């Protein structure tokens, strides 16, 4: 089992939830929700460690969505999400910055 925690910025905005809410592709949105539910049950599935504490869940639907996260013991912090390969490098850099911010504010 994994405890899922959403990254909140300093204003309390949930970047993961905002991204999920913005998805227009209903099939992809459902696939992401189901995938995170499986992770919560302890089933990581298709994922990869990237670098600097950041891993990605790969969702093979639509544009090939990713959910970037940090695994901190049994806690998984959902940082942000991205779309296709075109934005992947930028999304990873953003996830690294968000993790550093989360660690700074949450000890």
PDB file of N, CA and C in Angstrom:
ATOM      1  N   UNK A   1       0.839  -1.183   0.000  1.00  0.00           N
ATOM      2  CA  UNK A   1       0.000   0.000   0.000  1.00  0.00           C
ATOM      3  C   UNK A   1       0.883   1.245   0.000  1.00  0.00           C
ATOM      4  N   UNK A   2       0.455   2.234  -0.749  1.00  0.00           N
ATOM      5  CA  UNK A   2       1.149   3.515  -0.802  1.00  0.00           C
ATOM      6  C   UNK A   2       0.193   4.603  -0.361  1.00  0.00           C
ATOM      7  N   UNK A   3       0.681   5.483   0.478  1.00  0.00           N
ATOM      8  CA  UNK A   3      -0.090   6.666   0.832  1.00  0.00           C
ATOM      9  C   UNK A   3       0.170   7.700  -0.261  1.00  0.00           C
ATOM     10  N   UNK A   4      -0.887   8.134  -0.928  1.00  0.00           N
ATOM     11  CA  UNK A   4      -0.761   9.121  -1.997  1.00  0.00           C
ATOM     12  C   UNK A   4      -0.934  10.505  -1.399  1.00  0.00           C
ATOM     13  N   UNK A   5       0.047  11.363  -1.651  1.00  0.00           N
ATOM     14  CA  UNK A   5       0.016  12.743  -1.184  1.00  0.00           C
ATOM     15  C   UNK A   5       0.190  13.637  -2.404  1.00  0.00           C
ATOM     16  N   UNK A   6      -0.635  14.648  -2.520  1.00  0.00           N
ATOM     17  CA  UNK A   6      -0.526  15.568  -3.642  1.00  0.00           C
ATOM     18  C   UNK A   6       0.351  16.752  -3.245  1.00  0.00           C
ATOM     19  N   UNK A   7       1.231  17.143  -4.141  1.00  0.00           N
ATOM     20  CA  UNK A   7       2.030  18.339  -3.943  1.00  0.00           C
ATOM     21  C   UNK A   7       1.100  19.545  -4.011  1.00  0.00           C
ATOM     22  N   UNK A   8       1.220  20.421  -3.025  1.00  0.00           N
ATOM     23  CA  UNK A   8       0.498  21.686  -3.030  1.00  0.00           C
ATOM     24  C   UNK A   8       1.522  22.803  -3.066  1.00  0.00           C
ATOM     25  N   UNK A   9       1.307  23.775  -3.930  1.00  0.00           N
ATOM     26  CA  UNK A   9       2.243  24.896  -3.942  1.00  0.00           C
ATOM     27  C   UNK A   9       1.989  25.794  -2.730  1.00  0.00           C
ATOM     28  N   UNK A  10       2.742  26.864  -2.611  1.00  0.00           N
ATOM     29  CA  UNK A  10       2.639  27.721  -1.429  1.00  0.00           C
ATOM     30  C   UNK A  10       1.256  28.342  -1.262  1.00  0.00           C
ATOM     31  N   UNK A  11       0.502  28.445  -2.341  1.00  0.00           N
ATOM     32  CA  UNK A  11      -0.853  29.006  -2.279  1.00  0.00           C
ATOM     33  C   UNK A  11      -1.904  27.928  -2.031  1.00  0.00           C
ATOM     34  N   UNK A  12      -1.462  26.670  -1.917  1.00  0.00           N
ATOM     35  CA  UNK A  12      -2.390  25.572  -1.685  1.00  0.00           C
ATOM     36  C   UNK A  12      -2.969  24.962  -2.945  1.00  0.00           C
ATOM     37  N   UNK A  13      -2.442  25.341  -4.113  1.00  0.00           N
ATOM     38  CA  UNK A  13      -2.921  24.784  -5.376  1.00  0.00           C
ATOM     39  C   UNK A  13      -2.359  23.384  -5.584  1.00  0.00           C
ATOM     40  N   UNK A  14      -3.222  22.464  -5.954  1.00  0.00           N
ATOM     41  CA  UNK A  14      -2.844  21.076  -6.227  1.00  0.00           C
ATOM     42  C   UNK A  14      -2.567  20.967  -7.727  1.00  0.00           C
ATOM     43  N   UNK A  15      -1.280  20.955  -8.092  1.00  0.00           N
ATOM     44  CA  UNK A  15      -0.913  20.969  -9.506  1.00  0.00           C
ATOM     45  C   UNK A  15      -1.326  19.696 -10.226  1.00  0.00           C
ATOM     46  N   UNK A  16      -1.216  18.567  -9.557  1.00  0.00           N
ATOM     47  CA  UNK A  16      -1.643  17.299 -10.168  1.00  0.00           C
ATOM     48  C   UNK A  16      -3.143  17.333 -10.441  1.00  0.00           C
ATOM     49  N   UNK A  17      -3.938  17.728  -9.445  1.00  0.00           N
ATOM     50  CA  UNK A  17      -5.391  17.745  -9.617  1.00  0.00           C
ATOM     51  C   UNK A  17      -5.807  18.750 -10.681  1.00  0.00           C
ATOM     52  N   UNK A  18      -5.123  19.883 -10.729  1.00  0.00           N
ATOM     53  CA  UNK A  18      -5.423  20.886 -11.759  1.00  0.00           C
ATOM     54  C   UNK A  18      -5.168  20.313 -13.146  1.00  0.00           C
ATOM     55  N   UNK A  19      -4.048  19.596 -13.288  1.00  0.00           N
ATOM     56  CA  UNK A  19      -3.746  18.970 -14.577  1.00  0.00           C
ATOM     57  C   UNK A  19      -4.804  17.933 -14.921  1.00  0.00           C
ATOM     58  N   UNK A  20      -5.139  17.093 -13.954  1.00  0.00           N
ATOM     59  CA  UNK A  20      -6.133  16.048 -14.201  1.00  0.00           C
ATOM     60  C   UNK A  20      -7.475  16.659 -14.595  1.00  0.00           C
ATOM     61  N   UNK A  21      -7.886  17.697 -13.886  1.00  0.00           N
ATOM     62  CA  UNK A  21      -9.150  18.365 -14.202  1.00  0.00           C
ATOM     63  C   UNK A  21      -9.146  18.975 -15.597  1.00  0.00           C
ATOM     64  N   UNK A  22      -7.958  19.344 -16.083  1.00  0.00           N
ATOM     65  CA  UNK A  22      -7.871  19.994 -17.395  1.00  0.00           C
ATOM     66  C   UNK A  22      -7.875  19.004 -18.558  1.00  0.00           C
ATOM     67  N   UNK A  23      -7.690  17.722 -18.286  1.00  0.00           N
ATOM     68  CA  UNK A  23      -7.668  16.733 -19.369  1.00  0.00           C
ATOM     69  C   UNK A  23      -9.031  16.667 -20.055  1.00  0.00           C
ATOM     70  N   UNK A  24      -9.031  16.860 -21.348  1.00  0.00           N
ATOM     71  CA  UNK A  24     -10.285  16.774 -22.107  1.00  0.00           C
ATOM     72  C   UNK A  24     -10.566  15.354 -22.584  1.00  0.00           C
ATOM     73  N   UNK A  25      -9.522  14.571 -22.725  1.00  0.00           N
ATOM     74  CA  UNK A  25      -9.644  13.187 -23.184  1.00  0.00           C
ATOM     75  C   UNK A  25     -10.178  12.341 -22.021  1.00  0.00           C
ATOM     76  N   UNK A  26     -11.481  12.026 -22.089  1.00  0.00           N
ATOM     77  CA  UNK A  26     -12.119  11.277 -20.996  1.00  0.00           C
ATOM     78  C   UNK A  26     -11.491   9.910 -20.784  1.00  0.00           C
ATOM     79  N   UNK A  27     -11.133   9.242 -21.859  1.00  0.00           N
ATOM     80  CA  UNK A  27     -10.525   7.915 -21.754  1.00  0.00           C
ATOM     81  C   UNK A  27      -9.188   8.018 -21.014  1.00  0.00           C
ATOM     82  N   UNK A  28      -8.397   9.021 -21.369  1.00  0.00           N
ATOM     83  CA  UNK A  28      -7.108   9.214 -20.705  1.00  0.00           C
ATOM     84  C   UNK A  28      -7.312   9.581 -19.237  1.00  0.00           C
ATOM     85  N   UNK A  29      -8.276  10.434 -18.955  1.00  0.00           N
ATOM     86  CA  UNK A  29      -8.530  10.847 -17.571  1.00  0.00           C
ATOM     87  C   UNK A  29      -8.903   9.640 -16.713  1.00  0.00           C
ATOM     88  N   UNK A  30      -9.772   8.794 -17.231  1.00  0.00           N
ATOM     89  CA  UNK A  30     -10.172   7.591 -16.506  1.00  0.00           C
ATOM     90  C   UNK A  30      -8.971   6.663 -16.315  1.00  0.00           C
ATOM     91  N   UNK A  31      -8.131   6.535 -17.344  1.00  0.00           N
ATOM     92  CA  UNK A  31      -6.945   5.683 -17.248  1.00  0.00           C
ATOM     93  C   UNK A  31      -5.992   6.198 -16.170  1.00  0.00           C
ATOM     94  N   UNK A  32      -5.812   7.503 -16.078  1.00  0.00           N
ATOM     95  CA  UNK A  32      -4.930   8.076 -15.061  1.00  0.00           C
ATOM     96  C   UNK A  32      -5.499   7.826 -13.673  1.00  0.00           C
ATOM     97  N   UNK A  33      -6.785   8.074 -13.491  1.00  0.00           N
ATOM     98  CA  UNK A  33      -7.427   7.868 -12.183  1.00  0.00           C
ATOM     99  C   UNK A  33      -7.305   6.411 -11.753  1.00  0.00           C
ATOM    100  N   UNK A  34      -7.582   5.501 -12.671  1.00  0.00           N
ATOM    101  CA  UNK A  34      -7.467   4.066 -12.344  1.00  0.00           C
ATOM    102  C   UNK A  34      -6.038   3.684 -12.007  1.00  0.00           C
ATOM    103  N   UNK A  35      -5.098   4.252 -12.752  1.00  0.00           N
ATOM    104  CA  UNK A  35      -3.692   3.931 -12.526  1.00  0.00           C
ATOM    105  C   UNK A  35      -3.237   4.371 -11.140  1.00  0.00           C
ATOM    106  N   UNK A  36      -3.609   5.575 -10.741  1.00  0.00           N
ATOM    107  CA  UNK A  36      -3.228   6.073  -9.421  1.00  0.00           C
ATOM    108  C   UNK A  36      -3.909   5.242  -8.331  1.00  0.00           C
ATOM    109  N   UNK A  37      -5.126   4.792  -8.572  1.00  0.00           N
ATOM    110  CA  UNK A  37      -5.813   3.928  -7.598  1.00  0.00           C
ATOM    111  C   UNK A  37      -5.067   2.604  -7.444  1.00  0.00           C
ATOM    112  N   UNK A  38      -4.567   2.045  -8.541  1.00  0.00           N
ATOM    113  CA  UNK A  38      -3.785   0.797  -8.460  1.00  0.00           C
ATOM    114  C   UNK A  38      -2.487   1.019  -7.697  1.00  0.00           C
ATOM    115  N   UNK A  39      -1.866   2.172  -7.915  1.00  0.00           N
ATOM    116  CA  UNK A  39      -0.637   2.500  -7.189  1.00  0.00           C
ATOM    117  C   UNK A  39      -0.923   2.564  -5.695  1.00  0.00           C
ATOM    118  N   UNK A  40      -2.030   3.184  -5.340  1.00  0.00           N
ATOM    119  CA  UNK A  40      -2.394   3.291  -3.934  1.00  0.00           C
ATOM    120  C   UNK A  40      -2.547   1.911  -3.299  1.00  0.00           C
ATOM    121  N   UNK A  41      -2.979   0.941  -4.105  1.00  0.00           N
ATOM    122  CA  UNK A  41      -3.134  -0.430  -3.635  1.00  0.00           C
ATOM    123  C   UNK A  41      -1.801  -1.190  -3.624  1.00  0.00           C
ATOM    124  N   UNK A  42      -0.725  -0.525  -4.061  1.00  0.00           N
ATOM    125  CA  UNK A  42       0.589  -1.158  -4.032  1.00  0.00           C
ATOM    126  C   UNK A  42       1.065  -1.702  -5.364  1.00  0.00           C
ATOM    127  N   UNK A  43       0.327  -1.454  -6.422  1.00  0.00           N
ATOM    128  CA  UNK A  43       0.669  -1.980  -7.744  1.00  0.00           C
ATOM    129  C   UNK A  43       1.196  -0.855  -8.626  1.00  0.00           C
ATOM    130  N   UNK A  44       2.513  -0.710  -8.697  1.00  0.00           N
ATOM    131  CA  UNK A  44       3.102   0.393  -9.455  1.00  0.00           C
ATOM    132  C   UNK A  44       2.958   0.235 -10.963  1.00  0.00           C
ATOM    133  N   UNK A  45       3.021  -0.979 -11.461  1.00  0.00           N
ATOM    134  CA  UNK A  45       2.895  -1.170 -12.904  1.00  0.00           C
ATOM    135  C   UNK A  45       4.044  -0.526 -13.668  1.00  0.00           C
ATOM    136  N   UNK A  46       3.760  -0.028 -14.868  1.00  0.00           N
ATOM    137  CA  UNK A  46       4.775   0.540 -15.758  1.00  0.00           C
ATOM    138  C   UNK A  46       5.255   1.879 -15.201  1.00  0.00           C
ATOM    139  N   UNK A  47       6.462   1.861 -14.656  1.00  0.00           N
ATOM    140  CA  UNK A  47       7.041   3.067 -14.082  1.00  0.00           C
ATOM    141  C   UNK A  47       8.547   2.997 -14.246  1.00  0.00           C
ATOM    142  N   UNK A  48       9.201   4.127 -14.051  1.00  0.00           N
ATOM    143  CA  UNK A  48      10.659   4.155 -14.165  1.00  0.00           C
ATOM    144  C   UNK A  48      11.209   5.252 -13.277  1.00  0.00           C
ATOM    145  N   UNK A  49      12.337   4.944 -12.638  1.00  0.00           N
ATOM    146  CA  UNK A  49      13.075   5.983 -11.922  1.00  0.00           C
ATOM    147  C   UNK A  49      13.793   6.811 -12.971  1.00  0.00           C
ATOM    148  N   UNK A  50      13.709   8.132 -12.853  1.00  0.00           N
ATOM    149  CA  UNK A  50      14.352   9.009 -13.826  1.00  0.00           C
ATOM    150  C   UNK A  50      15.665   9.561 -13.271  1.00  0.00           C
ATOM    151  N   UNK A  51      15.564  10.460 -12.302  1.00  0.00           N
ATOM    152  CA  UNK A  51      16.764  11.011 -11.657  1.00  0.00           C
ATOM    153  C   UNK A  51      16.360  11.965 -10.547  1.00  0.00           C
ATOM    154  N   UNK A  52      17.296  12.261  -9.680  1.00  0.00           N
ATOM    155  CA  UNK A  52      17.103  13.253  -8.618  1.00  0.00           C
ATOM    156  C   UNK A  52      15.843  13.011  -7.793  1.00  0.00           C
ATOM    157  N   UNK A  53      15.532  11.739  -7.547  1.00  0.00           N
ATOM    158  CA  UNK A  53      14.381  11.401  -6.724  1.00  0.00           C
ATOM    159  C   UNK A  53      13.059  11.344  -7.456  1.00  0.00           C
ATOM    160  N   UNK A  54      13.055  11.578  -8.751  1.00  0.00           N
ATOM    161  CA  UNK A  54      11.829  11.630  -9.545  1.00  0.00           C
ATOM    162  C   UNK A  54      11.656  10.338 -10.338  1.00  0.00           C
ATOM    163  N   UNK A  55      10.434   9.826 -10.290  1.00  0.00           N
ATOM    164  CA  UNK A  55      10.049   8.674 -11.102  1.00  0.00           C
ATOM    165  C   UNK A  55       8.818   9.059 -11.903  1.00  0.00           C
ATOM    166  N   UNK A  56       8.500   8.213 -12.866  1.00  0.00           N
ATOM    167  CA  UNK A  56       7.302   8.474 -13.653  1.00  0.00           C
ATOM    168  C   UNK A  56       6.447   7.226 -13.742  1.00  0.00           C
ATOM    169  N   UNK A  57       5.145   7.442 -13.684  1.00  0.00           N
ATOM    170  CA  UNK A  57       4.171   6.416 -14.034  1.00  0.00           C
ATOM    171  C   UNK A  57       3.854   6.647 -15.500  1.00  0.00           C
ATOM    172  N   UNK A  58       3.932   5.611 -16.296  1.00  0.00           N
ATOM    173  CA  UNK A  58       3.625   5.750 -17.718  1.00  0.00           C
ATOM    174  C   UNK A  58       2.228   5.215 -17.975  1.00  0.00           C
ATOM    175  N   UNK A  59       1.420   6.040 -18.573  1.00  0.00           N
ATOM    176  CA  UNK A  59       0.051   5.656 -18.898  1.00  0.00           C
ATOM    177  C   UNK A  59      -0.040   5.609 -20.417  1.00  0.00           C
ATOM    178  N   UNK A  60      -0.191   4.404 -20.937  1.00  0.00           N
ATOM    179  CA  UNK A  60      -0.134   4.182 -22.386  1.00  0.00           C
ATOM    180  C   UNK A  60      -1.510   4.396 -23.016  1.00  0.00           C
ATOM    181  N   UNK A  61      -1.985   5.620 -22.905  1.00  0.00           N
ATOM    182  CA  UNK A  61      -3.281   6.001 -23.480  1.00  0.00           C
ATOM    183  C   UNK A  61      -3.120   7.399 -24.057  1.00  0.00           C
ATOM    184  N   UNK A  62      -3.777   7.658 -25.148  1.00  0.00           N
ATOM    185  CA  UNK A  62      -3.743   9.006 -25.717  1.00  0.00           C
ATOM    186  C   UNK A  62      -2.336   9.427 -26.072  1.00  0.00           C
ATOM    187  N   UNK A  63      -1.937  10.583 -25.551  1.00  0.00           N
ATOM    188  CA  UNK A  63      -0.636  11.172 -25.880  1.00  0.00           C
ATOM    189  C   UNK A  63       0.521  10.516 -25.129  1.00  0.00           C
ATOM    190  N   UNK A  64       0.249   9.447 -24.393  1.00  0.00           N
ATOM    191  CA  UNK A  64       1.304   8.801 -23.613  1.00  0.00           C
ATOM    192  C   UNK A  64       1.587   9.601 -22.359  1.00  0.00           C
ATOM    193  N   UNK A  65       0.587   9.764 -21.548  1.00  0.00           N
ATOM    194  CA  UNK A  65       0.682  10.611 -20.368  1.00  0.00           C
ATOM    195  C   UNK A  65       1.628  10.041 -19.321  1.00  0.00           C
ATOM    196  N   UNK A  66       2.207  10.939 -18.545  1.00  0.00           N
ATOM    197  CA  UNK A  66       3.096  10.595 -17.446  1.00  0.00           C
ATOM    198  C   UNK A  66       2.590  11.280 -16.192  1.00  0.00           C
ATOM    199  N   UNK A  67       2.774  10.623 -15.060  1.00  0.00           N
ATOM    200  CA  UNK A  67       2.555  11.242 -13.763  1.00  0.00           C
ATOM    201  C   UNK A  67       3.898  11.173 -13.055  1.00  0.00           C
ATOM    202  N   UNK A  68       4.450  12.320 -12.720  1.00  0.00           N
ATOM    203  CA  UNK A  68       5.749  12.381 -12.063  1.00  0.00           C
ATOM    204  C   UNK A  68       5.553  12.374 -10.557  1.00  0.00           C
ATOM    205  N   UNK A  69       6.363  11.562  -9.879  1.00  0.00           N
ATOM    206  CA  UNK A  69       6.192  11.391  -8.439  1.00  0.00           C
ATOM    207  C   UNK A  69       7.528  11.164  -7.758  1.00  0.00           C
ATOM    208  N   UNK A  70       7.500  11.303  -6.457  1.00  0.00           N
ATOM    209  CA  UNK A  70       8.654  10.980  -5.620  1.00  0.00           C
ATOM    210  C   UNK A  70       8.194   9.942  -4.610  1.00  0.00           C
ATOM    211  N   UNK A  71       8.973   8.906  -4.444  1.00  0.00           N
ATOM    212  CA  UNK A  71       8.667   7.858  -3.473  1.00  0.00           C
ATOM    213  C   UNK A  71       9.466   8.136  -2.212  1.00  0.00           C
ATOM    214  N   UNK A  72       8.771   8.399  -1.123  1.00  0.00           N
ATOM    215  CA  UNK A  72       9.415   8.710   0.148  1.00  0.00           C
ATOM    216  C   UNK A  72       8.926   7.693   1.167  1.00  0.00           C
ATOM    217  N   UNK A  73       9.630   6.567   1.271  1.00  0.00           N
ATOM    218  CA  UNK A  73       9.170   5.466   2.109  1.00  0.00           C
ATOM    219  C   UNK A  73       7.903   4.879   1.518  1.00  0.00           C
ATOM    220  N   UNK A  74       6.870   4.753   2.339  1.00  0.00           N
ATOM    221  CA  UNK A  74       5.601   4.232   1.826  1.00  0.00           C
ATOM    222  C   UNK A  74       4.711   5.351   1.295  1.00  0.00           C
ATOM    223  N   UNK A  75       5.226   6.569   1.330  1.00  0.00           N
ATOM    224  CA  UNK A  75       4.463   7.709   0.844  1.00  0.00           C
ATOM    225  C   UNK A  75       4.884   8.057  -0.577  1.00  0.00           C
ATOM    226  N   UNK A  76       3.907   8.311  -1.415  1.00  0.00           N
ATOM    227  CA  UNK A  76       4.177   8.715  -2.781  1.00  0.00           C
ATOM    228  C   UNK A  76       3.612  10.108  -2.971  1.00  0.00           C
ATOM    229  N   UNK A  77       4.480  11.032  -3.340  1.00  0.00           N
ATOM    230  CA  UNK A  77       4.059  12.411  -3.545  1.00  0.00           C
ATOM    231  C   UNK A  77       3.855  12.635  -5.037  1.00  0.00           C
ATOM    232  N   UNK A  78       2.614  12.890  -5.434  1.00  0.00           N
ATOM    233  CA  UNK A  78       2.318  13.205  -6.819  1.00  0.00           C
ATOM    234  C   UNK A  78       2.688  14.657  -7.048  1.00  0.00           C
ATOM    235  N   UNK A  79       3.613  14.888  -7.949  1.00  0.00           N
ATOM    236  CA  UNK A  79       4.139  16.229  -8.143  1.00  0.00           C
ATOM    237  C   UNK A  79       3.425  16.964  -9.263  1.00  0.00           C
ATOM    238  N   UNK A  80       3.514  16.427 -10.427  1.00  0.00           N
ATOM    239  CA  UNK A  80       2.917  17.085 -11.575  1.00  0.00           C
ATOM    240  C   UNK A  80       2.797  16.048 -12.676  1.00  0.00           C
ATOM    241  N   UNK A  81       2.203  16.415 -13.738  1.00  0.00           N
ATOM    242  CA  UNK A  81       1.980  15.466 -14.817  1.00  0.00           C
ATOM    243  C   UNK A  81       2.307  16.114 -16.140  1.00  0.00           C
ATOM    244  N   UNK A  82       2.547  15.281 -17.114  1.00  0.00           N
ATOM    245  CA  UNK A  82       2.890  15.801 -18.420  1.00  0.00           C
ATOM    246  C   UNK A  82       2.242  14.997 -19.520  1.00  0.00           C
ATOM    247  N   UNK A  83       2.407  15.474 -20.711  1.00  0.00           N
ATOM    248  CA  UNK A  83       1.787  14.839 -21.858  1.00  0.00           C
ATOM    249  C   UNK A  83       2.757  13.976 -22.627  1.00  0.00           C
ATOM    250  N   UNK A  84       3.057  14.389 -23.830  1.00  0.00           N
ATOM    251  CA  UNK A  84       3.833  13.556 -24.738  1.00  0.00           C
ATOM    252  C   UNK A  84       5.335  13.802 -24.603  1.00  0.00           C
ATOM    253  N   UNK A  85       6.085  13.136 -25.462  1.00  0.00           N
ATOM    254  CA  UNK A  85       7.543  13.197 -25.411  1.00  0.00           C
ATOM    255  C   UNK A  85       8.080  14.608 -25.649  1.00  0.00           C
ATOM    256  N   UNK A  86       7.331  15.448 -26.366  1.00  0.00           N
ATOM    257  CA  UNK A  86       7.808  16.798 -26.669  1.00  0.00           C
ATOM    258  C   UNK A  86       8.058  17.617 -25.403  1.00  0.00           C
ATOM    259  N   UNK A  87       7.245  17.410 -24.380  1.00  0.00           N
ATOM    260  CA  UNK A  87       7.382  18.217 -23.162  1.00  0.00           C
ATOM    261  C   UNK A  87       8.064  17.458 -22.029  1.00  0.00           C
ATOM    262  N   UNK A  88       8.498  16.235 -22.273  1.00  0.00           N
ATOM    263  CA  UNK A  88       8.998  15.384 -21.195  1.00  0.00           C
ATOM    264  C   UNK A  88      10.199  15.987 -20.462  1.00  0.00           C
ATOM    265  N   UNK A  89      11.182  16.496 -21.166  1.00  0.00           N
ATOM    266  CA  UNK A  89      12.368  17.062 -20.502  1.00  0.00           C
ATOM    267  C   UNK A  89      11.982  18.230 -19.607  1.00  0.00           C
ATOM    268  N   UNK A  90      11.135  19.106 -20.110  1.00  0.00           N
ATOM    269  CA  UNK A  90      10.676  20.252 -19.324  1.00  0.00           C
ATOM    270  C   UNK A  90       9.857  19.793 -18.124  1.00  0.00           C
ATOM    271  N   UNK A  91       9.020  18.785 -18.312  1.00  0.00           N
ATOM    272  CA  UNK A  91       8.190  18.264 -17.219  1.00  0.00           C
ATOM    273  C   UNK A  91       9.046  17.647 -16.117  1.00  0.00           C
ATOM    274  N   UNK A  92      10.109  16.953 -16.489  1.00  0.00           N
ATOM    275  CA  UNK A  92      10.998  16.329 -15.502  1.00  0.00           C
ATOM    276  C   UNK A  92      11.723  17.406 -14.701  1.00  0.00           C
ATOM    277  N   UNK A  93      12.227  18.420 -15.375  1.00  0.00           N
ATOM    278  CA  UNK A  93      12.904  19.519 -14.666  1.00  0.00           C
ATOM    279  C   UNK A  93      11.948  20.189 -13.686  1.00  0.00           C
ATOM    280  N   UNK A  94      10.730  20.383 -14.098  1.00  0.00           N
ATOM    281  CA  UNK A  94       9.726  20.989 -13.219  1.00  0.00           C
ATOM    282  C   UNK A  94       9.465  20.100 -12.009  1.00  0.00           C
ATOM    283  N   UNK A  95       9.336  18.796 -12.238  1.00  0.00           N
ATOM    284  CA  UNK A  95       9.095  17.855 -11.138  1.00  0.00           C
ATOM    285  C   UNK A  95      10.250  17.889 -10.131  1.00  0.00           C
ATOM    286  N   UNK A  96      11.482  18.003 -10.614  1.00  0.00           N
ATOM    287  CA  UNK A  96      12.646  18.086  -9.717  1.00  0.00           C
ATOM    288  C   UNK A  96      12.557  19.346  -8.863  1.00  0.00           C
ATOM    289  N   UNK A  97      12.221  20.471  -9.485  1.00  0.00           N
ATOM    290  CA  UNK A  97      12.080  21.727  -8.720  1.00  0.00           C
ATOM    291  C   UNK A  97      10.967  21.610  -7.679  1.00  0.00           C
ATOM    292  N   UNK A  98       9.857  20.986  -8.061  1.00  0.00           N
ATOM    293  CA  UNK A  98       8.733  20.847  -7.136  1.00  0.00           C
ATOM    294  C   UNK A  98       9.094  19.934  -5.963  1.00  0.00           C
ATOM    295  N   UNK A  99       9.830  18.861  -6.221  1.00  0.00           N
ATOM    296  CA  UNK A  99      10.253  17.979  -5.139  1.00  0.00           C
ATOM    297  C   UNK A  99      11.150  18.729  -4.158  1.00  0.00           C
ATOM    298  N   UNK A 100      12.088  19.493  -4.674  1.00  0.00           N
ATOM    299  CA  UNK A 100      12.967  20.274  -3.788  1.00  0.00           C
ATOM    300  C   UNK A 100      12.143  21.240  -2.945  1.00  0.00           C
ATOM    301  N   UNK A 101      11.164  21.883  -3.559  1.00  0.00           N
ATOM    302  CA  UNK A 101      10.297  22.804  -2.822  1.00  0.00           C
ATOM    303  C   UNK A 101       9.500  22.049  -1.760  1.00  0.00           C
ATOM    304  N   UNK A 102       8.956  20.887  -2.115  1.00  0.00           N
ATOM    305  CA  UNK A 102       8.169  20.089  -1.164  1.00  0.00           C
ATOM    306  C   UNK A 102       9.036  19.686   0.031  1.00  0.00           C
ATOM    307  N   UNK A 103      10.251  19.218  -0.247  1.00  0.00           N
ATOM    308  CA  UNK A 103      11.150  18.803   0.836  1.00  0.00           C
ATOM    309  C   UNK A 103      11.506  19.983   1.733  1.00  0.00           C
ATOM    310  N   UNK A 104      11.735  21.132   1.149  1.00  0.00           N
ATOM    311  CA  UNK A 104      12.077  22.336   1.919  1.00  0.00           C
ATOM    312  C   UNK A 104      10.920  22.734   2.845  1.00  0.00           C
ATOM    313  N   UNK A 105       9.696  22.649   2.343  1.00  0.00           N
ATOM    314  CA  UNK A 105       8.546  23.086   3.130  1.00  0.00           C
ATOM    315  C   UNK A 105       7.990  22.016   4.062  1.00  0.00           C
ATOM    316  N   UNK A 106       8.318  20.744   3.797  1.00  0.00           N
ATOM    317  CA  UNK A 106       7.753  19.652   4.597  1.00  0.00           C
ATOM    318  C   UNK A 106       8.792  18.870   5.392  1.00  0.00           C
ATOM    319  N   UNK A 107      10.019  19.297   5.311  1.00  0.00           N
ATOM    320  CA  UNK A 107      11.090  18.655   6.093  1.00  0.00           C
ATOM    321  C   UNK A 107      11.400  17.319   5.597  1.00  0.00           C
TER     322      UNK A 107
END
